[in-house]
């Protein structure tokens, strides 16, 4: 099979997985998701000679880099719009949430948001994208031992944040008497 055919097969097989990966990180902002996914597959096309036999973890790694670039770009754009005074608040589009609008399990998302972006990504790759440690290592561009350690530490930090945010979920102390 030629590199073009290998790329086409990877595109057909993994387009939706990469789209979901990006959408979860951009909260479903459709036009931005499409931009980032297009960039991921543009990079994959340019590097089609380097596509591994199992391309999805590698594509997630490319998507991580494309997301980082896109988020920086979106931030620059947002700051420019804010400086120009053309933001939603200036047009009376205020969104007010009621005090009881908290979604079930929102404490998990709050605990996750308190972690570093690197810890968040490790946890999302394993939970949302269902990557094993070997695939996680490929997506992160590190060895399997480093990926395993990052995952272990991220899980430990998440548990600590969950205990802070929602103490009722903490495991009960056992009586060792």
C-alpha atoms as a PDB file:
ATOM      1  CA  UNK A   1       0.000   0.000   0.000  1.00  0.00           C
ATOM      2  CA  UNK A   2       1.338   3.467  -0.854  1.00  0.00           C
ATOM      3  CA  UNK A   3       1.785   6.204   1.772  1.00  0.00           C
ATOM      4  CA  UNK A   4      -1.149   8.050   0.206  1.00  0.00           C
ATOM      5  CA  UNK A   5      -3.364   4.983   0.652  1.00  0.00           C
ATOM      6  CA  UNK A   6      -2.133   4.497   4.228  1.00  0.00           C
ATOM      7  CA  UNK A   7      -2.965   8.133   4.990  1.00  0.00           C
ATOM      8  CA  UNK A   8      -6.416   7.789   3.385  1.00  0.00           C
ATOM      9  CA  UNK A   9      -7.138   4.680   5.465  1.00  0.00           C
ATOM     10  CA  UNK A  10      -5.988   6.427   8.668  1.00  0.00           C
ATOM     11  CA  UNK A  11      -8.142   9.438   7.819  1.00  0.00           C
ATOM     12  CA  UNK A  12     -11.244   7.320   7.195  1.00  0.00           C
ATOM     13  CA  UNK A  13     -10.685   5.187  10.293  1.00  0.00           C
ATOM     14  CA  UNK A  14      -9.727   7.906  12.789  1.00  0.00           C
ATOM     15  CA  UNK A  15     -11.341  11.169  11.635  1.00  0.00           C
ATOM     16  CA  UNK A  16     -14.221  10.935  14.123  1.00  0.00           C
ATOM     17  CA  UNK A  17     -12.019   9.879  17.040  1.00  0.00           C
ATOM     18  CA  UNK A  18      -9.747  12.884  16.442  1.00  0.00           C
ATOM     19  CA  UNK A  19     -12.802  15.140  16.039  1.00  0.00           C
ATOM     20  CA  UNK A  20     -14.237  13.965  19.361  1.00  0.00           C
ATOM     21  CA  UNK A  21     -10.838  14.415  21.033  1.00  0.00           C
ATOM     22  CA  UNK A  22     -10.620  18.026  19.825  1.00  0.00           C
ATOM     23  CA  UNK A  23     -14.298  18.807  20.511  1.00  0.00           C
ATOM     24  CA  UNK A  24     -14.000  17.700  24.128  1.00  0.00           C
ATOM     25  CA  UNK A  25     -11.127  20.094  24.670  1.00  0.00           C
ATOM     26  CA  UNK A  26     -12.818  23.013  22.901  1.00  0.00           C
ATOM     27  CA  UNK A  27     -16.218  22.444  24.506  1.00  0.00           C
ATOM     28  CA  UNK A  28     -17.766  21.671  21.125  1.00  0.00           C
ATOM     29  CA  UNK A  29     -17.122  25.084  19.486  1.00  0.00           C
ATOM     30  CA  UNK A  30     -17.845  23.676  16.033  1.00  0.00           C
ATOM     31  CA  UNK A  31     -15.986  26.056  13.739  1.00  0.00           C
ATOM     32  CA  UNK A  32     -12.875  25.940  15.933  1.00  0.00           C
ATOM     33  CA  UNK A  33     -13.058  22.150  16.173  1.00  0.00           C
ATOM     34  CA  UNK A  34     -13.193  21.869  12.397  1.00  0.00           C
ATOM     35  CA  UNK A  35     -10.171  24.193  12.047  1.00  0.00           C
ATOM     36  CA  UNK A  36      -8.067  22.160  14.462  1.00  0.00           C
ATOM     37  CA  UNK A  37      -9.067  18.787  12.998  1.00  0.00           C
ATOM     38  CA  UNK A  38      -8.231  20.061   9.520  1.00  0.00           C
ATOM     39  CA  UNK A  39      -4.817  21.145  10.805  1.00  0.00           C
ATOM     40  CA  UNK A  40      -4.233  17.724  12.418  1.00  0.00           C
ATOM     41  CA  UNK A  41      -4.856  15.919   9.158  1.00  0.00           C
ATOM     42  CA  UNK A  42      -2.854  18.495   7.204  1.00  0.00           C
ATOM     43  CA  UNK A  43       0.122  17.707   9.423  1.00  0.00           C
ATOM     44  CA  UNK A  44      -0.577  13.987   9.036  1.00  0.00           C
ATOM     45  CA  UNK A  45      -0.700  14.394   5.249  1.00  0.00           C
ATOM     46  CA  UNK A  46       2.620  16.239   5.210  1.00  0.00           C
ATOM     47  CA  UNK A  47       4.136  13.551   7.427  1.00  0.00           C
ATOM     48  CA  UNK A  48       2.368  10.585   5.831  1.00  0.00           C
ATOM     49  CA  UNK A  49       5.724   8.850   5.360  1.00  0.00           C
ATOM     50  CA  UNK A  50       6.041   8.819   9.180  1.00  0.00           C
ATOM     51  CA  UNK A  51       2.580   7.408   9.981  1.00  0.00           C
ATOM     52  CA  UNK A  52       2.991   4.482  12.390  1.00  0.00           C
ATOM     53  CA  UNK A  53       1.178   1.177  11.973  1.00  0.00           C
ATOM     54  CA  UNK A  54      -1.223   2.218  14.755  1.00  0.00           C
ATOM     55  CA  UNK A  55      -1.757   5.885  13.918  1.00  0.00           C
ATOM     56  CA  UNK A  56      -4.421   6.979  16.445  1.00  0.00           C
ATOM     57  CA  UNK A  57      -2.125   7.667  19.437  1.00  0.00           C
ATOM     58  CA  UNK A  58       0.254   9.505  17.088  1.00  0.00           C
ATOM     59  CA  UNK A  59      -2.687  11.544  15.732  1.00  0.00           C
ATOM     60  CA  UNK A  60      -3.667  12.432  19.315  1.00  0.00           C
ATOM     61  CA  UNK A  61      -0.125  13.711  19.839  1.00  0.00           C
ATOM     62  CA  UNK A  62      -0.405  15.851  16.702  1.00  0.00           C
ATOM     63  CA  UNK A  63      -3.827  17.043  17.864  1.00  0.00           C
ATOM     64  CA  UNK A  64      -2.383  18.083  21.245  1.00  0.00           C
ATOM     65  CA  UNK A  65       0.142  20.295  19.473  1.00  0.00           C
ATOM     66  CA  UNK A  66      -2.433  21.716  17.064  1.00  0.00           C
ATOM     67  CA  UNK A  67      -4.782  22.455  19.978  1.00  0.00           C
ATOM     68  CA  UNK A  68      -2.030  24.277  21.861  1.00  0.00           C
ATOM     69  CA  UNK A  69      -1.348  26.442  18.800  1.00  0.00           C
ATOM     70  CA  UNK A  70      -5.044  27.043  18.201  1.00  0.00           C
ATOM     71  CA  UNK A  71      -5.797  27.967  21.801  1.00  0.00           C
ATOM     72  CA  UNK A  72      -2.976  30.520  21.738  1.00  0.00           C
ATOM     73  CA  UNK A  73      -4.414  31.908  18.502  1.00  0.00           C
ATOM     74  CA  UNK A  74      -7.966  32.007  19.874  1.00  0.00           C
ATOM     75  CA  UNK A  75      -6.669  33.816  22.952  1.00  0.00           C
ATOM     76  CA  UNK A  76      -4.896  36.421  20.822  1.00  0.00           C
ATOM     77  CA  UNK A  77      -8.050  36.906  18.772  1.00  0.00           C
ATOM     78  CA  UNK A  78     -10.192  37.237  21.904  1.00  0.00           C
ATOM     79  CA  UNK A  79      -7.850  39.823  23.421  1.00  0.00           C
ATOM     80  CA  UNK A  80      -7.943  41.794  20.179  1.00  0.00           C
ATOM     81  CA  UNK A  81     -11.752  41.736  20.121  1.00  0.00           C
ATOM     82  CA  UNK A  82     -11.823  42.800  23.784  1.00  0.00           C
ATOM     83  CA  UNK A  83      -9.471  45.701  23.078  1.00  0.00           C
ATOM     84  CA  UNK A  84     -11.735  46.800  20.242  1.00  0.00           C
ATOM     85  CA  UNK A  85     -14.745  46.756  22.588  1.00  0.00           C
ATOM     86  CA  UNK A  86     -16.634  44.278  20.445  1.00  0.00           C
ATOM     87  CA  UNK A  87     -17.311  41.659  23.063  1.00  0.00           C
ATOM     88  CA  UNK A  88     -20.596  40.024  24.053  1.00  0.00           C
ATOM     89  CA  UNK A  89     -21.003  42.240  27.143  1.00  0.00           C
ATOM     90  CA  UNK A  90     -20.895  45.356  24.971  1.00  0.00           C
ATOM     91  CA  UNK A  91     -23.867  44.021  23.015  1.00  0.00           C
ATOM     92  CA  UNK A  92     -25.960  43.119  26.050  1.00  0.00           C
ATOM     93  CA  UNK A  93     -25.542  39.375  25.721  1.00  0.00           C
ATOM     94  CA  UNK A  94     -25.040  38.594  29.388  1.00  0.00           C
ATOM     95  CA  UNK A  95     -25.608  35.043  30.471  1.00  0.00           C
ATOM     96  CA  UNK A  96     -26.642  34.689  34.080  1.00  0.00           C
ATOM     97  CA  UNK A  97     -26.747  31.279  35.670  1.00  0.00           C
ATOM     98  CA  UNK A  98     -29.078  30.567  38.516  1.00  0.00           C
ATOM     99  CA  UNK A  99     -27.524  29.479  41.818  1.00  0.00           C
ATOM    100  CA  UNK A 100     -28.995  26.012  41.447  1.00  0.00           C
ATOM    101  CA  UNK A 101     -27.703  25.519  37.883  1.00  0.00           C
ATOM    102  CA  UNK A 102     -24.873  23.238  38.986  1.00  0.00           C
ATOM    103  CA  UNK A 103     -24.833  20.084  36.886  1.00  0.00           C
ATOM    104  CA  UNK A 104     -24.622  16.706  38.619  1.00  0.00           C
ATOM    105  CA  UNK A 105     -21.014  15.683  39.115  1.00  0.00           C
ATOM    106  CA  UNK A 106     -19.757  19.190  38.346  1.00  0.00           C
ATOM    107  CA  UNK A 107     -17.419  18.846  41.320  1.00  0.00           C
ATOM    108  CA  UNK A 108     -15.415  16.318  39.300  1.00  0.00           C
ATOM    109  CA  UNK A 109     -14.948  18.855  36.517  1.00  0.00           C
ATOM    110  CA  UNK A 110     -14.035  21.519  39.054  1.00  0.00           C
ATOM    111  CA  UNK A 111     -11.445  19.229  40.632  1.00  0.00           C
ATOM    112  CA  UNK A 112     -10.067  18.412  37.178  1.00  0.00           C
ATOM    113  CA  UNK A 113      -9.888  22.101  36.256  1.00  0.00           C
ATOM    114  CA  UNK A 114      -7.692  22.740  39.311  1.00  0.00           C
ATOM    115  CA  UNK A 115      -5.008  20.417  37.951  1.00  0.00           C
ATOM    116  CA  UNK A 116      -2.217  21.503  35.657  1.00  0.00           C
ATOM    117  CA  UNK A 117      -2.960  21.312  31.925  1.00  0.00           C
ATOM    118  CA  UNK A 118      -0.461  18.438  31.661  1.00  0.00           C
ATOM    119  CA  UNK A 119      -2.264  16.412  34.361  1.00  0.00           C
ATOM    120  CA  UNK A 120      -5.635  17.178  32.779  1.00  0.00           C
ATOM    121  CA  UNK A 121      -4.414  15.936  29.416  1.00  0.00           C
ATOM    122  CA  UNK A 122      -3.002  12.681  30.819  1.00  0.00           C
ATOM    123  CA  UNK A 123      -6.286  11.941  32.577  1.00  0.00           C
ATOM    124  CA  UNK A 124      -8.386  12.863  29.549  1.00  0.00           C
ATOM    125  CA  UNK A 125      -6.302  10.723  27.205  1.00  0.00           C
ATOM    126  CA  UNK A 126      -6.806   7.698  29.434  1.00  0.00           C
ATOM    127  CA  UNK A 127     -10.438   8.312  30.410  1.00  0.00           C
ATOM    128  CA  UNK A 128     -11.975   9.991  27.360  1.00  0.00           C
ATOM    129  CA  UNK A 129      -9.818   8.542  24.600  1.00  0.00           C
ATOM    130  CA  UNK A 130      -9.404   5.189  26.403  1.00  0.00           C
ATOM    131  CA  UNK A 131      -5.672   4.985  25.774  1.00  0.00           C
ATOM    132  CA  UNK A 132      -3.546   2.412  27.555  1.00  0.00           C
ATOM    133  CA  UNK A 133      -0.142   3.335  28.957  1.00  0.00           C
ATOM    134  CA  UNK A 134       1.713   2.353  25.775  1.00  0.00           C
ATOM    135  CA  UNK A 135      -0.594   4.464  23.608  1.00  0.00           C
ATOM    136  CA  UNK A 136      -0.462   7.287  26.170  1.00  0.00           C
ATOM    137  CA  UNK A 137       3.331   7.276  25.854  1.00  0.00           C
ATOM    138  CA  UNK A 138       3.063   7.676  22.076  1.00  0.00           C
ATOM    139  CA  UNK A 139       0.538  10.522  22.367  1.00  0.00           C
ATOM    140  CA  UNK A 140       2.697  12.311  24.943  1.00  0.00           C
ATOM    141  CA  UNK A 141       5.949  11.614  23.118  1.00  0.00           C
ATOM    142  CA  UNK A 142       7.631   9.886  26.069  1.00  0.00           C
ATOM    143  CA  UNK A 143       8.519   6.402  27.262  1.00  0.00           C
ATOM    144  CA  UNK A 144       6.009   4.010  28.807  1.00  0.00           C
ATOM    145  CA  UNK A 145       7.554   4.291  32.288  1.00  0.00           C
ATOM    146  CA  UNK A 146       7.308   8.079  32.168  1.00  0.00           C
ATOM    147  CA  UNK A 147       3.715   7.872  30.899  1.00  0.00           C
ATOM    148  CA  UNK A 148       2.808   5.425  33.660  1.00  0.00           C
ATOM    149  CA  UNK A 149       4.347   7.691  36.299  1.00  0.00           C
ATOM    150  CA  UNK A 150       2.606  10.775  34.897  1.00  0.00           C
ATOM    151  CA  UNK A 151      -0.718   8.952  34.983  1.00  0.00           C
ATOM    152  CA  UNK A 152      -0.165   7.725  38.549  1.00  0.00           C
ATOM    153  CA  UNK A 153       0.746  11.210  39.766  1.00  0.00           C
ATOM    154  CA  UNK A 154      -2.130  12.873  37.897  1.00  0.00           C
ATOM    155  CA  UNK A 155      -4.604  10.426  39.424  1.00  0.00           C
ATOM    156  CA  UNK A 156      -3.188  11.063  42.902  1.00  0.00           C
ATOM    157  CA  UNK A 157      -3.456  14.841  42.440  1.00  0.00           C
ATOM    158  CA  UNK A 158      -7.013  14.507  41.101  1.00  0.00           C
ATOM    159  CA  UNK A 159      -8.009  12.461  44.151  1.00  0.00           C
ATOM    160  CA  UNK A 160      -6.580  15.183  46.419  1.00  0.00           C
ATOM    161  CA  UNK A 161      -8.519  17.881  44.530  1.00  0.00           C
ATOM    162  CA  UNK A 162     -11.723  15.844  44.655  1.00  0.00           C
ATOM    163  CA  UNK A 163     -11.285  15.499  48.413  1.00  0.00           C
ATOM    164  CA  UNK A 164     -10.880  19.303  48.664  1.00  0.00           C
ATOM    165  CA  UNK A 165     -13.803  20.152  46.380  1.00  0.00           C
ATOM    166  CA  UNK A 166     -16.233  17.553  47.651  1.00  0.00           C
ATOM    167  CA  UNK A 167     -15.112  16.083  51.006  1.00  0.00           C
ATOM    168  CA  UNK A 168     -18.176  13.811  51.114  1.00  0.00           C
ATOM    169  CA  UNK A 169     -16.590  11.652  48.390  1.00  0.00           C
ATOM    170  CA  UNK A 170     -13.445  10.999  50.442  1.00  0.00           C
ATOM    171  CA  UNK A 171     -12.994   7.377  51.520  1.00  0.00           C
ATOM    172  CA  UNK A 172     -14.058   6.725  55.110  1.00  0.00           C
ATOM    173  CA  UNK A 173     -11.247   6.318  57.621  1.00  0.00           C
ATOM    174  CA  UNK A 174     -11.001   2.752  58.814  1.00  0.00           C
ATOM    175  CA  UNK A 175     -10.801   1.876  62.461  1.00  0.00           C
ATOM    176  CA  UNK A 176      -7.559  -0.021  62.908  1.00  0.00           C
ATOM    177  CA  UNK A 177      -8.028  -0.361  66.693  1.00  0.00           C
END
